Amino acid sequence: MLRLSSLYRFPMKSAIGEPLQQARLDGLGLAGDRRWMLVDADNGRFLTQRAFPQMSQLSARWNDAGGLTLSAAGLPTLEVPLPEPDANLRGTFVWGAPMHVPDAGDQAAEWLSGFLGKTCRLVHVPDHRARDIPGSLLPEEKVGFADGFPLLLIGQASLDDLGKRVGRPLEMLRFRPNLVVEGSEAYAEDGWKRIRIGGIDFSVAKGCSRCILTTIDPATGERSADREPLTTLKTYREREGEVYFGQNLINRSAGVLEVGMEVEVLE
């Protein structure tokens, strides 16, 4: 039997993920997932571990009121309230898609600029300011600050196989999935088109292309000197210049997921 073995939420794009036992799904994927983002204070460009690997050591926990709790070694914890959805709007863009989203204020910006060593601002995406999913023709298909799609799924067997090829165990959090499924063969998820978990249907949209971020150790923030696991992935998972690992999903309804639920492949 296939089952949901892990759930992860990433409240701030490129910060530490939260392991969950249960999670609610809404119109943008997991509630609270990638609804906050750091942007360059000068030009609005979003900031990630690709350029700032120390973000892997930044804890940004989502709370039920929608706010954020920021913490990092050597800094005091900061509670950031949810900003008004239509005030203090700041222009930004995610992979070319323009967005106007509320700024979280000076206190958060000062705290995060001190941590990052770069002047930045913290922004939030309310539901009505989410952007269209790239390539979608359905107006109801929206995404927050995730790169392209609301959810990412990886099979545990796929990670285990990759670790054997690399020659050492690999942390699942290098790949920042929301859903991990066990019980399938390695890379079985490549062939899925529709799945169901806990009565909720998901469309498998496309494979997830990977970048240098996968070479950052989530525990230390250090890049792998041998550029693994990206080096090994390129030897057998490269297609048309992109390296794929994991599958992007779109949930077709709201509901609740819980670790241990059965995963049914519908197509």
Protein backbone atom coordinates (compact mmCIF):
# COMPACT_ATOMS: atom_id res chain seq x y z
CA MET A 1 0.00 0.00 0.00
CA LEU A 2 1.17 3.51 -0.81
CA ARG A 3 0.94 5.92 2.09
CA LEU A 4 1.71 9.52 2.93
CA SER A 5 4.82 9.21 5.11
CA SER A 6 5.75 12.89 5.65
CA LEU A 7 4.24 16.36 5.36
CA TYR A 8 6.24 19.58 5.23
CA ARG A 9 5.25 23.24 5.19
CA PHE A 10 7.59 26.08 4.22
CA PRO A 11 5.96 29.28 5.51
CA MET A 12 8.70 31.52 4.10
CA LYS A 13 10.12 30.80 0.68
CA SER A 14 13.64 29.32 1.12
CA ALA A 15 13.60 29.27 4.95
CA ILE A 16 13.48 26.18 7.21
CA GLY A 17 10.59 23.77 6.67
CA GLU A 18 8.14 22.58 9.32
CA PRO A 19 7.43 18.84 9.60
CA LEU A 20 3.71 18.30 10.24
CA GLN A 21 1.49 15.40 11.26
CA GLN A 22 -1.60 17.05 9.81
CA ALA A 23 -2.14 19.88 7.37
CA ARG A 24 -5.07 21.71 5.84
CA LEU A 25 -5.29 22.28 2.09
CA ASP A 26 -6.77 25.44 0.64
CA GLY A 27 -6.86 27.03 -2.81
CA LEU A 28 -3.09 27.67 -2.81
CA GLY A 29 -1.90 24.27 -1.54
CA LEU A 30 -0.99 23.65 2.10
CA ALA A 31 -2.38 26.41 4.31
CA GLY A 32 0.47 28.73 5.24
CA ASP A 33 2.96 27.27 2.75
CA ARG A 34 5.21 29.76 0.94
CA ARG A 35 2.94 32.70 1.73
CA TRP A 36 5.90 34.84 2.92
CA MET A 37 8.99 35.86 0.98
CA LEU A 38 12.10 38.01 1.28
CA VAL A 39 12.71 40.58 -1.45
CA ASP A 40 15.53 42.96 -2.29
CA ALA A 41 14.59 46.35 -0.82
CA ASP A 42 15.85 48.17 -3.91
CA ASN A 43 14.44 46.23 -6.83
CA GLY A 44 11.84 43.80 -5.41
CA ARG A 45 13.69 40.71 -6.63
CA PHE A 46 12.98 37.67 -4.46
CA LEU A 47 15.80 36.26 -2.34
CA THR A 48 16.50 32.56 -1.80
CA GLN A 49 19.17 30.10 -0.69
CA ARG A 50 20.53 30.11 -4.22
CA ALA A 51 22.31 33.38 -3.40
CA PHE A 52 21.96 33.35 0.40
CA PRO A 53 22.52 29.81 1.71
CA GLN A 54 22.26 31.09 5.29
CA MET A 55 18.49 31.23 4.75
CA SER A 56 18.59 27.47 5.35
CA GLN A 57 19.21 28.36 9.02
CA LEU A 58 16.31 30.82 9.29
CA SER A 59 13.23 29.56 11.11
CA ALA A 60 9.95 31.16 10.03
CA ARG A 61 7.00 29.40 11.68
CA TRP A 62 3.45 30.06 10.54
CA ASN A 63 0.76 30.47 13.19
CA ASP A 64 -2.99 29.96 13.04
CA ALA A 65 -3.58 33.71 12.80
CA GLY A 66 -1.49 33.74 9.63
CA GLY A 67 1.43 35.59 11.21
CA LEU A 68 5.03 34.50 11.38
CA THR A 69 7.48 33.71 14.18
CA LEU A 70 11.07 34.44 13.17
CA SER A 71 14.07 32.94 14.96
CA ALA A 72 17.75 32.32 14.22
CA ALA A 73 20.88 31.66 16.24
CA GLY A 74 22.08 34.75 18.07
CA LEU A 75 18.94 36.80 17.42
CA PRO A 76 15.86 37.44 19.57
CA THR A 77 12.63 35.81 18.43
CA LEU A 78 10.34 38.16 16.54
CA GLU A 79 6.57 37.85 16.11
CA VAL A 80 5.41 39.30 12.80
CA PRO A 81 1.67 40.01 12.53
CA LEU A 82 -0.24 39.39 9.33
CA PRO A 83 -0.20 42.65 7.33
CA GLU A 84 -3.34 44.26 5.95
CA PRO A 85 -3.99 42.62 2.58
CA ASP A 86 -4.38 45.84 0.58
CA ALA A 87 -2.05 48.26 2.36
CA ASN A 88 1.65 49.07 1.95
CA LEU A 89 1.82 47.16 -1.31
CA ARG A 90 5.23 46.36 -2.73
CA GLY A 91 5.99 45.30 -6.27
CA THR A 92 7.84 42.04 -6.78
CA PHE A 93 7.89 39.16 -9.23
CA VAL A 94 8.39 35.41 -9.13
CA TRP A 95 10.12 34.05 -12.23
CA GLY A 96 8.89 36.94 -14.31
CA ALA A 97 5.33 37.02 -12.99
CA PRO A 98 4.62 40.46 -11.45
CA MET A 99 2.89 40.66 -8.06
CA HIS A 100 1.80 43.49 -5.76
CA VAL A 101 1.72 42.23 -2.19
CA PRO A 102 1.66 43.79 1.29
CA ASP A 103 4.89 44.62 3.10
CA ALA A 104 5.23 43.28 6.67
CA GLY A 105 6.75 46.46 8.09
CA ASP A 106 10.03 47.98 9.23
CA GLN A 107 10.62 45.85 12.34
CA ALA A 108 10.60 42.62 10.37
CA ALA A 109 12.71 44.18 7.62
CA GLU A 110 15.37 45.35 10.10
CA TRP A 111 15.51 41.95 11.83
CA LEU A 112 15.83 40.07 8.56
CA SER A 113 18.30 42.53 7.02
CA GLY A 114 20.53 42.02 10.06
CA PHE A 115 20.33 38.26 9.70
CA LEU A 116 20.92 38.23 5.95
CA GLY A 117 23.54 40.97 5.77
CA LYS A 118 21.55 42.63 3.00
CA THR A 119 18.79 45.23 3.03
CA CYS A 120 15.58 43.34 2.39
CA ARG A 121 11.84 43.47 2.99
CA LEU A 122 9.40 40.77 4.08
CA VAL A 123 6.21 40.43 2.03
CA HIS A 124 3.08 38.29 2.32
CA VAL A 125 0.68 37.02 -0.35
CA PRO A 126 -3.04 37.09 0.54
CA ASP A 127 -5.26 34.66 -1.35
CA HIS A 128 -6.67 37.33 -3.67
CA ARG A 129 -3.18 38.47 -4.67
CA ALA A 130 -1.90 35.03 -5.67
CA ARG A 131 -0.62 34.64 -9.21
CA ASP A 132 -1.77 32.33 -11.99
CA ILE A 133 -0.09 28.95 -12.24
CA PRO A 134 2.30 29.15 -15.22
CA GLY A 135 0.66 27.83 -18.38
CA SER A 136 -2.73 27.29 -16.76
CA LEU A 137 -5.87 28.20 -18.69
CA LEU A 138 -8.09 27.87 -15.60
CA PRO A 139 -8.53 31.15 -13.68
CA GLU A 140 -9.09 29.32 -10.41
CA GLU A 141 -5.62 27.72 -10.54
CA LYS A 142 -3.46 29.98 -8.39
CA VAL A 143 -0.14 29.77 -6.55
CA GLY A 144 1.50 31.92 -3.88
CA PHE A 145 5.27 32.38 -3.75
CA ALA A 146 6.17 28.78 -4.71
CA ASP A 147 8.26 28.61 -7.88
CA GLY A 148 5.47 27.30 -10.09
CA PHE A 149 2.92 25.01 -8.48
CA PRO A 150 1.15 24.72 -5.11
CA LEU A 151 2.61 21.37 -4.03
CA LEU A 152 5.64 19.13 -4.52
CA LEU A 153 5.63 15.35 -4.05
CA ILE A 154 8.63 13.01 -3.84
CA GLY A 155 8.67 9.24 -3.42
CA GLN A 156 10.84 8.01 -0.54
CA ALA A 157 12.16 5.21 -2.76
CA SER A 158 13.35 7.82 -5.27
CA LEU A 159 15.42 9.55 -2.61
CA ASP A 160 16.78 6.23 -1.36
CA ASP A 161 17.85 5.31 -4.89
CA LEU A 162 19.54 8.67 -5.38
CA GLY A 163 21.40 8.27 -2.08
CA LYS A 164 22.74 4.89 -3.19
CA ARG A 165 23.97 6.41 -6.45
CA VAL A 166 25.65 9.30 -4.64
CA GLY A 167 27.13 6.96 -2.06
CA ARG A 168 25.70 8.51 1.09
CA PRO A 169 22.27 9.08 2.65
CA LEU A 170 20.57 12.31 1.62
CA GLU A 171 18.17 14.50 3.58
CA MET A 172 14.70 14.79 2.06
CA LEU A 173 14.65 18.47 3.04
CA ARG A 174 17.32 19.22 0.42
CA PHE A 175 14.46 18.90 -2.07
CA ARG A 176 11.82 20.80 -0.04
CA PRO A 177 8.77 18.62 -0.78
CA ASN A 178 5.35 19.09 0.77
CA LEU A 179 4.33 15.44 0.45
CA VAL A 180 6.48 12.31 0.74
CA VAL A 181 5.02 8.95 -0.33
CA GLU A 182 6.39 5.56 0.63
CA GLY A 183 5.55 2.09 -0.70
CA SER A 184 6.15 2.85 -4.38
CA GLU A 185 9.07 1.91 -6.59
CA ALA A 186 11.75 4.50 -7.22
CA TYR A 187 10.51 7.24 -9.58
CA ALA A 188 7.06 5.68 -9.86
CA GLU A 189 5.66 9.19 -9.34
CA ASP A 190 7.00 10.14 -12.79
CA GLY A 191 4.20 8.10 -14.34
CA TRP A 192 1.30 9.30 -12.18
CA LYS A 193 -1.28 11.70 -13.61
CA ARG A 194 -3.89 11.79 -10.84
CA ILE A 195 -3.76 10.63 -7.24
CA ARG A 196 -6.08 10.72 -4.24
CA ILE A 197 -5.15 11.13 -0.57
CA GLY A 198 -7.75 11.29 2.18
CA GLY A 199 -10.56 11.87 -0.31
CA ILE A 200 -8.72 14.78 -1.95
CA ASP A 201 -7.82 14.52 -5.63
CA PHE A 202 -4.56 15.90 -7.01
CA SER A 203 -3.43 16.48 -10.58
CA VAL A 204 0.21 15.70 -11.28
CA ALA A 205 1.21 18.76 -13.30
CA LYS A 206 4.84 18.25 -14.31
CA GLY A 207 8.24 17.18 -13.07
CA CYS A 208 10.15 19.54 -10.81
CA SER A 209 13.39 20.90 -12.26
CA ARG A 210 16.21 21.17 -9.74
CA CYS A 211 18.96 23.73 -9.12
CA ILE A 212 22.02 24.47 -7.00
CA LEU A 213 19.83 24.77 -3.89
CA THR A 214 19.80 20.95 -3.62
CA THR A 215 23.54 21.02 -2.86
CA ILE A 216 23.01 22.99 0.38
CA ASP A 217 23.05 20.91 3.57
CA PRO A 218 19.81 21.86 5.38
CA ALA A 219 21.44 21.21 8.77
CA THR A 220 24.48 23.45 8.29
CA GLY A 221 23.76 25.76 5.36
CA GLU A 222 27.00 24.68 3.68
CA ARG A 223 27.22 23.78 0.01
CA SER A 224 28.51 20.33 -0.91
CA ALA A 225 32.05 20.63 -2.26
CA ASP A 226 31.29 17.86 -4.77
CA ARG A 227 28.03 19.56 -5.89
CA GLU A 228 26.05 16.51 -4.90
CA PRO A 229 23.37 15.39 -5.37
CA LEU A 230 23.01 17.60 -8.46
CA THR A 231 26.10 16.10 -10.11
CA THR A 232 24.68 12.57 -9.90
CA LEU A 233 21.17 13.65 -10.89
CA LYS A 234 22.56 15.12 -14.10
CA THR A 235 23.87 11.69 -15.12
CA TYR A 236 20.43 10.10 -15.33
CA ARG A 237 17.66 12.66 -14.68
CA GLU A 238 18.55 15.36 -17.20
CA ARG A 239 16.15 16.17 -20.00
CA GLU A 240 16.44 19.08 -22.46
CA GLY A 241 18.95 20.82 -20.24
CA GLU A 242 16.92 20.52 -17.02
CA VAL A 243 17.39 18.07 -14.14
CA TYR A 244 14.15 16.63 -12.71
CA PHE A 245 13.41 15.13 -9.32
CA GLY A 246 9.91 15.02 -7.82
CA GLN A 247 6.51 15.97 -9.21
CA ASN A 248 4.51 19.19 -8.95
CA LEU A 249 0.88 18.79 -7.87
CA ILE A 250 -2.32 20.82 -7.90
CA ASN A 251 -4.95 19.94 -5.29
CA ARG A 252 -8.47 19.90 -6.69
CA SER A 253 -10.27 20.64 -3.42
CA ALA A 254 -9.73 21.75 0.14
CA GLY A 255 -9.49 19.29 3.01
CA VAL A 256 -7.11 17.84 5.57
CA LEU A 257 -4.11 15.57 5.05
CA GLU A 258 -2.57 13.43 7.75
CA VAL A 259 0.61 11.39 7.84
CA GLY A 260 -0.24 7.71 7.36
CA MET A 261 -3.11 8.25 4.93
CA GLU A 262 -3.38 5.89 1.97
CA VAL A 263 -2.31 7.22 -1.41
CA GLU A 264 -4.36 5.97 -4.36
CA VAL A 265 -3.10 6.29 -7.93
CA LEU A 266 -6.12 7.07 -10.08
CA GLU A 267 -4.35 7.45 -13.41
